[in-house]
């Protein structure tokens, strides 16, 4: 398992991993700039966040063709395709069972096109914004 980021619970999660003797199973990578490369090496993306608006990393994960599992605190706009919402109040066993039930996506080439189709294409959005400014 790869743990990315360094939010306020980072130290607590790291301690818990150590207490559960999972040190050899979890790699803590912290903040990174090579997210697309890391996403291409994953089978599934899990975001059990306590507070989120629109997490861009979730859109990036879907663009890379990954199935995503999100906590129910995350806004619905991120859910473009191949996603599952889970309640944070559910047990870790419940989360594990749900994650393991997701089929691996071996054909990930469609991800970017699906995300683009839903309006998350920087080139198209930049042109729209430019037109809007030029009309002002």
C-alpha atoms as a PDB file:
ATOM      1  CA  UNK A   1       0.000   0.000   0.000  1.00  0.00           C
ATOM      2  CA  UNK A   2       1.204   3.491  -0.828  1.00  0.00           C
ATOM      3  CA  UNK A   3       0.283   6.391   1.434  1.00  0.00           C
ATOM      4  CA  UNK A   4       0.584   9.785  -0.252  1.00  0.00           C
ATOM      5  CA  UNK A   5       0.252  13.187   1.373  1.00  0.00           C
ATOM      6  CA  UNK A   6       0.992  14.644   4.762  1.00  0.00           C
ATOM      7  CA  UNK A   7      -2.282  15.811   6.300  1.00  0.00           C
ATOM      8  CA  UNK A   8      -2.923  16.456   9.989  1.00  0.00           C
ATOM      9  CA  UNK A   9      -3.386  12.735  10.729  1.00  0.00           C
ATOM     10  CA  UNK A  10      -0.138  11.654   9.061  1.00  0.00           C
ATOM     11  CA  UNK A  11       1.789  11.020  12.304  1.00  0.00           C
ATOM     12  CA  UNK A  12      -1.133   9.207  13.896  1.00  0.00           C
ATOM     13  CA  UNK A  13      -1.571   6.943  10.868  1.00  0.00           C
ATOM     14  CA  UNK A  14       2.146   6.216  10.758  1.00  0.00           C
ATOM     15  CA  UNK A  15       2.096   5.259  14.464  1.00  0.00           C
ATOM     16  CA  UNK A  16      -0.926   3.009  13.960  1.00  0.00           C
ATOM     17  CA  UNK A  17       0.734   1.238  11.031  1.00  0.00           C
ATOM     18  CA  UNK A  18       3.735   0.593  13.253  1.00  0.00           C
ATOM     19  CA  UNK A  19       1.546  -0.665  16.155  1.00  0.00           C
ATOM     20  CA  UNK A  20      -0.241  -3.051  13.787  1.00  0.00           C
ATOM     21  CA  UNK A  21       3.156  -4.253  12.533  1.00  0.00           C
ATOM     22  CA  UNK A  22       2.338  -3.285   8.961  1.00  0.00           C
ATOM     23  CA  UNK A  23       5.598  -1.376   8.405  1.00  0.00           C
ATOM     24  CA  UNK A  24       6.581  -3.734   5.585  1.00  0.00           C
ATOM     25  CA  UNK A  25       3.180  -3.395   3.887  1.00  0.00           C
ATOM     26  CA  UNK A  26       2.777   0.405   3.809  1.00  0.00           C
ATOM     27  CA  UNK A  27       5.108   2.836   2.057  1.00  0.00           C
ATOM     28  CA  UNK A  28       4.801   6.460   3.184  1.00  0.00           C
ATOM     29  CA  UNK A  29       5.777   8.749   0.313  1.00  0.00           C
ATOM     30  CA  UNK A  30       4.547  12.091   1.685  1.00  0.00           C
ATOM     31  CA  UNK A  31       3.898  15.024  -0.659  1.00  0.00           C
ATOM     32  CA  UNK A  32       4.908  14.316  -4.247  1.00  0.00           C
ATOM     33  CA  UNK A  33       5.080  16.003  -7.640  1.00  0.00           C
ATOM     34  CA  UNK A  34       4.970  12.799  -9.700  1.00  0.00           C
ATOM     35  CA  UNK A  35       1.360  11.823  -9.033  1.00  0.00           C
ATOM     36  CA  UNK A  36       0.560  10.691 -12.628  1.00  0.00           C
ATOM     37  CA  UNK A  37       3.485   8.261 -12.522  1.00  0.00           C
ATOM     38  CA  UNK A  38       2.402   6.884  -9.167  1.00  0.00           C
ATOM     39  CA  UNK A  39      -1.234   6.532 -10.275  1.00  0.00           C
ATOM     40  CA  UNK A  40      -0.166   4.506 -13.293  1.00  0.00           C
ATOM     41  CA  UNK A  41       1.368   1.930 -10.948  1.00  0.00           C
ATOM     42  CA  UNK A  42      -1.761   1.479  -8.798  1.00  0.00           C
ATOM     43  CA  UNK A  43      -4.714  -0.911  -9.025  1.00  0.00           C
ATOM     44  CA  UNK A  44      -7.186   1.172  -7.012  1.00  0.00           C
ATOM     45  CA  UNK A  45      -7.321   4.639  -5.464  1.00  0.00           C
ATOM     46  CA  UNK A  46      -8.761   5.073  -1.967  1.00  0.00           C
ATOM     47  CA  UNK A  47      -9.540   8.483  -0.454  1.00  0.00           C
ATOM     48  CA  UNK A  48     -10.983   8.098   3.074  1.00  0.00           C
ATOM     49  CA  UNK A  49     -10.906  11.825   3.731  1.00  0.00           C
ATOM     50  CA  UNK A  50     -12.588  13.565   6.660  1.00  0.00           C
ATOM     51  CA  UNK A  51     -12.962  16.902   4.849  1.00  0.00           C
ATOM     52  CA  UNK A  52     -12.718  17.560   1.138  1.00  0.00           C
ATOM     53  CA  UNK A  53     -14.153  19.912  -1.377  1.00  0.00           C
ATOM     54  CA  UNK A  54     -13.362  18.746  -4.872  1.00  0.00           C
ATOM     55  CA  UNK A  55     -10.150  16.727  -4.561  1.00  0.00           C
ATOM     56  CA  UNK A  56      -8.348  17.136  -7.875  1.00  0.00           C
ATOM     57  CA  UNK A  57      -6.311  14.009  -7.137  1.00  0.00           C
ATOM     58  CA  UNK A  58      -9.549  12.009  -7.408  1.00  0.00           C
ATOM     59  CA  UNK A  59     -10.157  13.396 -10.888  1.00  0.00           C
ATOM     60  CA  UNK A  60      -6.540  12.571 -11.770  1.00  0.00           C
ATOM     61  CA  UNK A  61      -7.027   9.014 -10.489  1.00  0.00           C
ATOM     62  CA  UNK A  62     -10.093   8.566 -12.673  1.00  0.00           C
ATOM     63  CA  UNK A  63      -8.275  10.066 -15.665  1.00  0.00           C
ATOM     64  CA  UNK A  64      -5.640   7.379 -15.214  1.00  0.00           C
ATOM     65  CA  UNK A  65      -8.423   4.783 -15.385  1.00  0.00           C
ATOM     66  CA  UNK A  66      -8.336   3.750 -11.738  1.00  0.00           C
ATOM     67  CA  UNK A  67     -11.436   2.667  -9.867  1.00  0.00           C
ATOM     68  CA  UNK A  68     -11.803   4.958  -6.841  1.00  0.00           C
ATOM     69  CA  UNK A  69     -13.225   4.460  -3.364  1.00  0.00           C
ATOM     70  CA  UNK A  70     -14.189   7.628  -1.523  1.00  0.00           C
ATOM     71  CA  UNK A  71     -15.507   8.520   1.874  1.00  0.00           C
ATOM     72  CA  UNK A  72     -19.014   9.939   1.835  1.00  0.00           C
ATOM     73  CA  UNK A  73     -17.649  13.346   2.901  1.00  0.00           C
ATOM     74  CA  UNK A  74     -16.377  14.035  -0.618  1.00  0.00           C
ATOM     75  CA  UNK A  75     -18.398  16.098  -3.057  1.00  0.00           C
ATOM     76  CA  UNK A  76     -20.363  14.293  -5.768  1.00  0.00           C
ATOM     77  CA  UNK A  77     -18.797  16.321  -8.604  1.00  0.00           C
ATOM     78  CA  UNK A  78     -15.719  14.119  -8.402  1.00  0.00           C
ATOM     79  CA  UNK A  79     -17.668  10.957  -9.162  1.00  0.00           C
ATOM     80  CA  UNK A  80     -17.373  10.698 -12.900  1.00  0.00           C
ATOM     81  CA  UNK A  81     -17.226   6.927 -13.406  1.00  0.00           C
ATOM     82  CA  UNK A  82     -15.992   3.728 -11.753  1.00  0.00           C
ATOM     83  CA  UNK A  83     -16.370   4.946  -8.174  1.00  0.00           C
ATOM     84  CA  UNK A  84     -17.793   3.805  -4.860  1.00  0.00           C
ATOM     85  CA  UNK A  85     -18.772   5.927  -1.850  1.00  0.00           C
ATOM     86  CA  UNK A  86     -18.287   4.449   1.627  1.00  0.00           C
ATOM     87  CA  UNK A  87     -19.393   5.709   5.022  1.00  0.00           C
ATOM     88  CA  UNK A  88     -16.490   6.681   7.287  1.00  0.00           C
ATOM     89  CA  UNK A  89     -18.451   5.348  10.258  1.00  0.00           C
ATOM     90  CA  UNK A  90     -18.271   1.820   8.864  1.00  0.00           C
ATOM     91  CA  UNK A  91     -15.625  -0.546  10.213  1.00  0.00           C
ATOM     92  CA  UNK A  92     -12.201  -1.089   8.625  1.00  0.00           C
ATOM     93  CA  UNK A  93     -13.334  -4.659   7.840  1.00  0.00           C
ATOM     94  CA  UNK A  94     -16.319  -3.294   5.916  1.00  0.00           C
ATOM     95  CA  UNK A  95     -14.034  -0.953   3.943  1.00  0.00           C
ATOM     96  CA  UNK A  96     -11.599  -3.785   3.222  1.00  0.00           C
ATOM     97  CA  UNK A  97     -14.401  -6.068   2.007  1.00  0.00           C
ATOM     98  CA  UNK A  98     -15.792  -3.357  -0.277  1.00  0.00           C
ATOM     99  CA  UNK A  99     -12.362  -2.469  -1.681  1.00  0.00           C
ATOM    100  CA  UNK A 100     -11.546  -6.114  -2.368  1.00  0.00           C
ATOM    101  CA  UNK A 101     -14.874  -6.554  -4.182  1.00  0.00           C
ATOM    102  CA  UNK A 102     -13.886  -4.008  -6.853  1.00  0.00           C
ATOM    103  CA  UNK A 103     -12.725  -5.543 -10.090  1.00  0.00           C
ATOM    104  CA  UNK A 104      -9.353  -4.483 -11.359  1.00  0.00           C
ATOM    105  CA  UNK A 105      -9.438  -2.363 -14.500  1.00  0.00           C
ATOM    106  CA  UNK A 106      -6.837  -3.668 -16.947  1.00  0.00           C
ATOM    107  CA  UNK A 107      -7.957  -1.405 -19.800  1.00  0.00           C
ATOM    108  CA  UNK A 108      -7.267   2.054 -18.437  1.00  0.00           C
ATOM    109  CA  UNK A 109      -6.965   3.937 -21.721  1.00  0.00           C
ATOM    110  CA  UNK A 110     -10.582   5.162 -21.605  1.00  0.00           C
ATOM    111  CA  UNK A 111     -10.116   7.040 -18.299  1.00  0.00           C
ATOM    112  CA  UNK A 112      -8.857  10.301 -19.729  1.00  0.00           C
ATOM    113  CA  UNK A 113     -11.578  10.366 -22.385  1.00  0.00           C
ATOM    114  CA  UNK A 114     -14.277   9.772 -19.770  1.00  0.00           C
ATOM    115  CA  UNK A 115     -12.944  12.590 -17.597  1.00  0.00           C
ATOM    116  CA  UNK A 116     -12.636  14.919 -20.597  1.00  0.00           C
ATOM    117  CA  UNK A 117     -16.215  14.114 -21.612  1.00  0.00           C
ATOM    118  CA  UNK A 118     -17.400  15.219 -18.148  1.00  0.00           C
ATOM    119  CA  UNK A 119     -15.800  18.662 -18.546  1.00  0.00           C
ATOM    120  CA  UNK A 120     -12.445  18.149 -16.837  1.00  0.00           C
ATOM    121  CA  UNK A 121     -10.217  19.050 -19.779  1.00  0.00           C
ATOM    122  CA  UNK A 122      -7.865  21.949 -19.109  1.00  0.00           C
ATOM    123  CA  UNK A 123      -7.534  22.884 -22.801  1.00  0.00           C
ATOM    124  CA  UNK A 124     -11.290  23.143 -23.352  1.00  0.00           C
ATOM    125  CA  UNK A 125     -11.879  24.918 -20.060  1.00  0.00           C
ATOM    126  CA  UNK A 126      -9.081  27.428 -20.751  1.00  0.00           C
ATOM    127  CA  UNK A 127     -10.686  28.284 -24.112  1.00  0.00           C
ATOM    128  CA  UNK A 128     -14.072  28.784 -22.434  1.00  0.00           C
ATOM    129  CA  UNK A 129     -12.493  31.041 -19.832  1.00  0.00           C
ATOM    130  CA  UNK A 130     -10.652  33.026 -22.503  1.00  0.00           C
ATOM    131  CA  UNK A 131     -13.901  33.587 -24.430  1.00  0.00           C
ATOM    132  CA  UNK A 132     -15.611  34.688 -21.244  1.00  0.00           C
ATOM    133  CA  UNK A 133     -12.872  37.252 -20.496  1.00  0.00           C
ATOM    134  CA  UNK A 134     -12.829  38.544 -24.080  1.00  0.00           C
ATOM    135  CA  UNK A 135     -16.601  39.189 -23.916  1.00  0.00           C
ATOM    136  CA  UNK A 136     -16.155  41.385 -20.828  1.00  0.00           C
END
